[in-house]
């Protein structure tokens, strides 16, 4: 396979990106990869790699906006996080929560995990009060939302079939 840039040398570096279900692949020779700033010995963070290839999804904020926010515990700035691809401490999650939330939404399909779990992982299921489901069922019937009522009826039946955990146990 030939390099996608020079079309001469053999491609030895294969890069694939999936964005919103669209797959984009590039096949580069070592020389073209080096010209684009890809360090083949230590490629660094994915963010750095994408920035070097001109594919970064987000540019750093302009310097004219004032002082950049930083973590109150370790002093890490968002610009440093983007460059390194790592947070400095647990407090960074709170300090950069809005930026991280946007980043996670771009990277993941949703806000909640719905895929596989590691074998043996304990899944915490929130406890649901059957009385709350019963009230929601009655309200759905009164409002003639019969599809919702059928779903709530089935959910209530499943809750009533489930054994009650002994006191002090169970999920919450």
Protein backbone atom coordinates (compact mmCIF):
# COMPACT_ATOMS: atom_id res chain seq x y z
CA UNK A 1 0.00 0.00 0.00
CA UNK A 2 1.36 3.43 -0.99
CA UNK A 3 1.41 6.56 1.18
CA UNK A 4 -1.75 8.70 0.88
CA UNK A 5 0.38 11.88 0.79
CA UNK A 6 3.36 11.25 -1.49
CA UNK A 7 1.92 8.22 -3.33
CA UNK A 8 5.47 6.85 -3.70
CA UNK A 9 6.75 5.16 -0.54
CA UNK A 10 5.15 2.22 1.22
CA UNK A 11 2.71 3.20 3.96
CA UNK A 12 3.91 1.88 7.32
CA UNK A 13 1.74 4.05 9.57
CA UNK A 14 -1.99 3.41 9.51
CA UNK A 15 -4.32 5.84 11.26
CA UNK A 16 -8.10 5.45 11.57
CA UNK A 17 -10.58 7.91 13.05
CA UNK A 18 -14.30 7.31 13.58
CA UNK A 19 -16.48 10.41 14.00
CA UNK A 20 -20.26 10.07 14.18
CA UNK A 21 -20.06 6.69 12.48
CA UNK A 22 -17.94 7.99 9.56
CA UNK A 23 -14.59 6.20 9.23
CA UNK A 24 -11.57 8.11 7.95
CA UNK A 25 -8.30 6.28 7.37
CA UNK A 26 -4.86 7.56 6.41
CA UNK A 27 -1.89 5.49 5.39
CA UNK A 28 1.45 7.29 5.64
CA UNK A 29 5.08 6.55 4.99
CA UNK A 30 7.55 7.44 7.74
CA UNK A 31 8.84 10.51 5.89
CA UNK A 32 5.36 12.05 5.42
CA UNK A 33 4.45 11.23 9.02
CA UNK A 34 7.61 13.00 10.26
CA UNK A 35 6.85 16.03 8.02
CA UNK A 36 3.50 16.34 9.78
CA UNK A 37 5.16 16.29 13.19
CA UNK A 38 4.31 12.76 14.21
CA UNK A 39 6.99 11.50 16.58
CA UNK A 40 7.32 7.85 15.67
CA UNK A 41 9.39 6.94 18.74
CA UNK A 42 6.98 8.56 21.23
CA UNK A 43 3.75 9.75 19.58
CA UNK A 44 2.56 11.46 22.80
CA UNK A 45 -1.11 12.08 23.39
CA UNK A 46 -3.85 11.47 20.87
CA UNK A 47 -4.77 15.14 21.12
CA UNK A 48 -1.23 16.13 20.13
CA UNK A 49 -1.28 13.68 17.23
CA UNK A 50 -4.58 15.07 15.92
CA UNK A 51 -3.38 18.65 16.29
CA UNK A 52 -0.22 17.83 14.30
CA UNK A 53 -2.32 16.33 11.53
CA UNK A 54 -4.59 19.39 11.43
CA UNK A 55 -7.57 17.40 12.66
CA UNK A 56 -7.98 18.70 16.20
CA UNK A 57 -11.65 19.19 16.98
CA UNK A 58 -11.14 22.18 19.21
CA UNK A 59 -8.68 25.04 19.05
CA UNK A 60 -7.23 26.40 22.28
CA UNK A 61 -9.01 29.52 23.53
CA UNK A 62 -7.60 32.87 22.36
CA UNK A 63 -5.19 34.51 24.79
CA UNK A 64 -7.27 37.72 24.80
CA UNK A 65 -10.06 36.15 26.91
CA UNK A 66 -8.19 36.79 30.15
CA UNK A 67 -6.56 34.34 32.52
CA UNK A 68 -7.21 30.71 31.72
CA UNK A 69 -9.04 28.78 34.48
CA UNK A 70 -6.92 26.30 36.38
CA UNK A 71 -7.37 23.55 38.95
CA UNK A 72 -7.43 24.92 42.49
CA UNK A 73 -5.45 21.93 43.82
CA UNK A 74 -2.68 21.26 41.30
CA UNK A 75 -2.74 24.41 39.14
CA UNK A 76 -3.19 22.52 35.84
CA UNK A 77 -4.72 24.64 33.07
CA UNK A 78 -7.06 23.43 30.36
CA UNK A 79 -4.38 24.20 27.76
CA UNK A 80 -1.92 21.94 29.62
CA UNK A 81 -4.55 19.19 29.80
CA UNK A 82 -5.17 19.42 26.05
CA UNK A 83 -1.45 19.17 25.38
CA UNK A 84 -0.72 16.28 27.77
CA UNK A 85 -4.04 14.46 27.49
CA UNK A 86 -3.98 13.80 31.27
CA UNK A 87 -5.50 15.50 34.27
CA UNK A 88 -3.24 16.48 37.14
CA UNK A 89 -5.29 15.32 40.14
CA UNK A 90 -8.80 14.20 41.18
CA UNK A 91 -9.85 17.83 41.76
CA UNK A 92 -9.33 18.55 38.05
CA UNK A 93 -12.60 16.70 37.31
CA UNK A 94 -14.51 19.34 39.27
CA UNK A 95 -12.45 22.28 38.05
CA UNK A 96 -12.94 21.39 34.38
CA UNK A 97 -16.34 19.69 34.63
CA UNK A 98 -18.06 21.63 31.83
CA UNK A 99 -15.15 21.20 29.40
CA UNK A 100 -14.80 17.50 30.28
CA UNK A 101 -18.53 16.93 29.86
CA UNK A 102 -18.37 18.35 26.32
CA UNK A 103 -15.29 16.25 25.58
CA UNK A 104 -16.93 13.05 26.87
CA UNK A 105 -20.07 13.73 24.83
CA UNK A 106 -17.93 14.09 21.70
CA UNK A 107 -16.04 10.87 22.47
CA UNK A 108 -18.93 8.70 23.66
CA UNK A 109 -22.38 7.92 22.30
CA UNK A 110 -24.23 9.22 25.34
CA UNK A 111 -23.95 10.28 28.95
CA UNK A 112 -24.60 6.81 30.40
CA UNK A 113 -22.75 3.56 29.85
CA UNK A 114 -24.93 1.10 27.97
CA UNK A 115 -22.37 -1.37 26.65
CA UNK A 116 -20.58 -4.37 28.05
CA UNK A 117 -19.17 -4.57 31.52
CA UNK A 118 -16.09 -6.47 32.68
CA UNK A 119 -16.79 -10.01 33.95
CA UNK A 120 -17.64 -9.95 37.63
CA UNK A 121 -18.47 -6.23 37.68
CA UNK A 122 -21.03 -5.33 40.33
CA UNK A 123 -23.94 -3.41 38.84
CA UNK A 124 -25.75 -1.10 41.21
CA UNK A 125 -29.45 -0.95 40.36
CA UNK A 126 -31.34 1.94 41.94
CA UNK A 127 -34.23 0.80 44.09
CA UNK A 128 -37.65 1.74 42.76
CA UNK A 129 -40.66 2.06 45.02
CA UNK A 130 -43.58 0.08 43.56
CA UNK A 131 -45.97 2.68 45.00
CA UNK A 132 -44.34 5.36 42.80
CA UNK A 133 -44.74 3.16 39.73
CA UNK A 134 -48.38 2.46 40.68
CA UNK A 135 -49.10 6.22 40.94
CA UNK A 136 -47.43 6.82 37.54
CA UNK A 137 -49.53 3.97 36.08
CA UNK A 138 -52.76 5.47 37.40
CA UNK A 139 -51.82 8.91 36.04
CA UNK A 140 -50.99 7.46 32.61
CA UNK A 141 -54.40 5.72 32.53
CA UNK A 142 -56.18 8.93 33.58
CA UNK A 143 -54.37 10.85 30.82
CA UNK A 144 -55.15 8.05 28.31
CA UNK A 145 -51.46 7.38 27.61
CA UNK A 146 -52.10 3.68 27.17
CA UNK A 147 -48.70 2.72 25.72
CA UNK A 148 -46.98 4.28 28.74
CA UNK A 149 -49.53 2.59 31.00
CA UNK A 150 -48.78 -0.83 29.50
CA UNK A 151 -45.03 -0.29 29.96
CA UNK A 152 -45.56 0.84 33.58
CA UNK A 153 -47.87 -2.14 34.24
CA UNK A 154 -45.18 -4.55 33.04
CA UNK A 155 -42.53 -2.73 35.09
CA UNK A 156 -44.72 -2.90 38.21
CA UNK A 157 -45.30 -6.63 37.69
CA UNK A 158 -41.54 -7.20 37.38
CA UNK A 159 -40.93 -5.22 40.58
CA UNK A 160 -43.48 -7.30 42.47
CA UNK A 161 -41.89 -10.57 41.26
CA UNK A 162 -38.40 -9.50 42.38
CA UNK A 163 -37.44 -10.84 45.84
CA UNK A 164 -36.97 -8.21 48.52
CA UNK A 165 -33.38 -8.03 49.86
CA UNK A 166 -32.89 -8.43 53.62
CA UNK A 167 -32.55 -5.27 55.69
CA UNK A 168 -29.21 -3.49 55.19
CA UNK A 169 -28.63 -4.99 51.71
CA UNK A 170 -29.71 -4.09 48.21
CA UNK A 171 -28.83 -1.37 45.75
CA UNK A 172 -29.47 2.31 46.06
